[in-house]
Amino acid sequence: MAIERNSVSSEHSTNRRPMSFTELYLGHVSIDDFRRNPRGELGTRTATLHKDGIKKLRENWIYRA
């Protein structure tokens, strides 16, 4: 998982600062680390880590600015 800092998307691309990463994580998560989200309006499911899954992932940080 990567967390990035980005300029406001309404700025013209030539005026934006380059994207920069502020956090980078690499860890092993399993199916049990995800929430069971119902289907959305468009009929698609989303995969989202639950609170403990995010905590587990963030324990394995590689880079923090």
N, C-alpha and C. Protein backbone atom coordinates (compact mmCIF):
# COMPACT_ATOMS: atom_id res chain seq x y z
N MET A 1 0.85 -1.16 0.00
CA MET A 1 0.00 0.00 0.00
C MET A 1 0.90 1.22 0.00
N ALA A 2 0.56 2.20 -0.78
CA ALA A 2 1.32 3.45 -0.85
C ALA A 2 0.38 4.61 -0.54
N ILE A 3 0.87 5.53 0.26
CA ILE A 3 0.14 6.76 0.57
C ILE A 3 0.91 7.88 -0.11
N GLU A 4 0.21 8.66 -0.93
CA GLU A 4 0.91 9.71 -1.65
C GLU A 4 0.32 11.07 -1.34
N ARG A 5 1.13 12.09 -1.58
CA ARG A 5 0.67 13.47 -1.44
C ARG A 5 0.56 14.00 -2.86
N ASN A 6 -0.58 14.58 -3.19
CA ASN A 6 -0.83 15.02 -4.55
C ASN A 6 -1.39 16.43 -4.50
N SER A 7 -1.18 17.17 -5.56
CA SER A 7 -1.74 18.51 -5.66
C SER A 7 -3.24 18.42 -5.91
N VAL A 8 -3.90 19.54 -5.81
CA VAL A 8 -5.33 19.62 -6.06
C VAL A 8 -5.58 19.27 -7.53
N SER A 9 -6.50 18.35 -7.77
CA SER A 9 -6.73 17.88 -9.14
C SER A 9 -7.32 18.94 -10.06
N SER A 10 -7.83 20.04 -9.51
CA SER A 10 -8.41 21.08 -10.37
C SER A 10 -7.32 21.99 -10.96
N GLU A 11 -6.08 21.84 -10.48
CA GLU A 11 -4.99 22.62 -11.06
C GLU A 11 -4.62 22.08 -12.43
N HIS A 12 -4.21 22.93 -13.30
CA HIS A 12 -3.73 22.48 -14.61
C HIS A 12 -2.48 21.64 -14.39
N SER A 13 -2.32 20.59 -15.16
CA SER A 13 -1.22 19.65 -14.93
C SER A 13 0.16 20.30 -15.00
N THR A 14 0.31 21.34 -15.77
CA THR A 14 1.63 22.00 -15.85
C THR A 14 1.94 22.81 -14.59
N ASN A 15 0.91 23.09 -13.76
CA ASN A 15 1.12 23.86 -12.53
C ASN A 15 1.22 22.98 -11.29
N ARG A 16 1.01 21.69 -11.43
CA ARG A 16 1.02 20.79 -10.27
C ARG A 16 2.43 20.43 -9.85
N ARG A 17 2.59 20.26 -8.55
CA ARG A 17 3.85 19.70 -8.04
C ARG A 17 3.87 18.21 -8.36
N PRO A 18 5.05 17.63 -8.47
CA PRO A 18 5.11 16.18 -8.71
C PRO A 18 4.52 15.42 -7.52
N MET A 19 3.91 14.29 -7.80
CA MET A 19 3.37 13.43 -6.75
C MET A 19 4.54 12.91 -5.92
N SER A 20 4.35 12.83 -4.62
CA SER A 20 5.40 12.27 -3.76
C SER A 20 4.77 11.30 -2.77
N PHE A 21 5.48 10.23 -2.48
CA PHE A 21 5.00 9.23 -1.54
C PHE A 21 5.37 9.64 -0.12
N THR A 22 4.44 9.49 0.81
CA THR A 22 4.70 9.81 2.21
C THR A 22 4.79 8.55 3.07
N GLU A 23 4.19 7.45 2.61
CA GLU A 23 4.24 6.19 3.34
C GLU A 23 4.21 5.04 2.34
N LEU A 24 4.91 3.95 2.67
CA LEU A 24 4.91 2.77 1.84
C LEU A 24 4.92 1.54 2.75
N TYR A 25 3.97 0.63 2.53
CA TYR A 25 3.81 -0.57 3.35
C TYR A 25 3.84 -1.81 2.46
N LEU A 26 4.42 -2.88 2.99
CA LEU A 26 4.42 -4.16 2.29
C LEU A 26 4.23 -5.23 3.36
N GLY A 27 3.13 -5.93 3.28
CA GLY A 27 2.86 -6.95 4.28
C GLY A 27 1.92 -8.00 3.74
N HIS A 28 1.82 -9.09 4.46
CA HIS A 28 0.94 -10.20 4.07
C HIS A 28 -0.39 -10.05 4.79
N VAL A 29 -1.46 -9.96 4.04
CA VAL A 29 -2.80 -9.96 4.61
C VAL A 29 -3.56 -11.13 4.00
N SER A 30 -4.55 -11.60 4.72
CA SER A 30 -5.35 -12.73 4.25
C SER A 30 -6.79 -12.28 4.02
N ILE A 31 -7.59 -13.16 3.51
CA ILE A 31 -9.01 -12.86 3.26
C ILE A 31 -9.70 -12.42 4.55
N ASP A 32 -9.30 -12.99 5.68
CA ASP A 32 -9.91 -12.63 6.96
C ASP A 32 -9.62 -11.20 7.39
N ASP A 33 -8.64 -10.55 6.77
CA ASP A 33 -8.30 -9.17 7.11
C ASP A 33 -9.17 -8.15 6.38
N PHE A 34 -10.08 -8.61 5.54
CA PHE A 34 -10.94 -7.72 4.76
C PHE A 34 -12.35 -7.68 5.31
N ARG A 35 -13.00 -6.52 5.12
CA ARG A 35 -14.42 -6.38 5.48
C ARG A 35 -15.26 -7.08 4.44
N ARG A 36 -16.42 -7.48 4.84
CA ARG A 36 -17.39 -8.07 3.92
C ARG A 36 -18.34 -6.97 3.47
N ASN A 37 -18.01 -6.31 2.38
CA ASN A 37 -18.83 -5.20 1.89
C ASN A 37 -19.93 -5.72 0.97
N PRO A 38 -21.13 -5.21 1.13
CA PRO A 38 -22.21 -5.60 0.22
C PRO A 38 -21.98 -5.02 -1.17
N ARG A 39 -22.70 -5.51 -2.12
CA ARG A 39 -22.58 -4.98 -3.48
C ARG A 39 -23.02 -3.52 -3.49
N GLY A 40 -22.31 -2.73 -4.28
CA GLY A 40 -22.63 -1.31 -4.40
C GLY A 40 -23.76 -1.09 -5.38
N GLU A 41 -24.03 0.16 -5.66
CA GLU A 41 -25.11 0.55 -6.57
C GLU A 41 -24.93 -0.03 -7.96
N LEU A 42 -23.67 -0.15 -8.39
CA LEU A 42 -23.39 -0.65 -9.73
C LEU A 42 -23.20 -2.17 -9.76
N GLY A 43 -23.43 -2.82 -8.64
CA GLY A 43 -23.34 -4.26 -8.59
C GLY A 43 -21.94 -4.81 -8.40
N THR A 44 -21.00 -3.92 -8.05
CA THR A 44 -19.62 -4.38 -7.84
C THR A 44 -19.31 -4.46 -6.35
N ARG A 45 -18.45 -5.38 -6.00
CA ARG A 45 -17.99 -5.49 -4.62
C ARG A 45 -16.68 -4.72 -4.48
N THR A 46 -16.44 -4.21 -3.30
CA THR A 46 -15.17 -3.54 -3.05
C THR A 46 -14.40 -4.34 -2.01
N ALA A 47 -13.09 -4.34 -2.10
CA ALA A 47 -12.24 -5.03 -1.14
C ALA A 47 -11.57 -3.99 -0.27
N THR A 48 -11.92 -3.97 1.00
CA THR A 48 -11.39 -2.99 1.93
C THR A 48 -10.90 -3.69 3.18
N LEU A 49 -9.68 -3.39 3.60
CA LEU A 49 -9.17 -3.95 4.84
C LEU A 49 -9.97 -3.40 6.02
N HIS A 50 -10.26 -4.24 7.00
CA HIS A 50 -10.91 -3.73 8.21
C HIS A 50 -9.84 -3.15 9.14
N LYS A 51 -10.27 -2.58 10.25
CA LYS A 51 -9.37 -1.85 11.17
C LYS A 51 -8.16 -2.68 11.56
N ASP A 52 -8.36 -3.93 11.94
CA ASP A 52 -7.23 -4.77 12.36
C ASP A 52 -6.35 -5.15 11.17
N GLY A 53 -6.93 -5.28 9.99
CA GLY A 53 -6.15 -5.56 8.79
C GLY A 53 -5.23 -4.41 8.42
N ILE A 54 -5.73 -3.19 8.55
CA ILE A 54 -4.90 -2.01 8.30
C ILE A 54 -3.79 -1.91 9.32
N LYS A 55 -4.12 -2.18 10.59
CA LYS A 55 -3.10 -2.17 11.65
C LYS A 55 -2.01 -3.18 11.34
N LYS A 56 -2.40 -4.38 10.93
CA LYS A 56 -1.45 -5.43 10.59
C LYS A 56 -0.54 -4.99 9.44
N LEU A 57 -1.10 -4.37 8.42
CA LEU A 57 -0.32 -3.90 7.28
C LEU A 57 0.63 -2.79 7.69
N ARG A 58 0.16 -1.84 8.50
CA ARG A 58 0.98 -0.69 8.88
C ARG A 58 2.12 -1.06 9.83
N GLU A 59 2.06 -2.23 10.42
CA GLU A 59 3.18 -2.69 11.24
C GLU A 59 4.39 -3.04 10.38
N ASN A 60 4.18 -3.22 9.08
CA ASN A 60 5.25 -3.61 8.15
C ASN A 60 5.59 -2.45 7.21
N TRP A 61 5.95 -1.30 7.79
CA TRP A 61 6.25 -0.16 6.96
C TRP A 61 7.66 -0.30 6.36
N ILE A 62 7.79 0.24 5.17
CA ILE A 62 9.07 0.26 4.46
C ILE A 62 9.62 1.69 4.45
N TYR A 63 8.72 2.66 4.28
CA TYR A 63 9.15 4.05 4.16
C TYR A 63 8.09 4.95 4.79
N ARG A 64 8.56 5.92 5.55
CA ARG A 64 7.69 6.98 6.09
C ARG A 64 8.45 8.30 5.96
N ALA A 65 7.79 9.30 5.40
CA ALA A 65 8.44 10.62 5.22
C ALA A 65 8.44 11.39 6.53
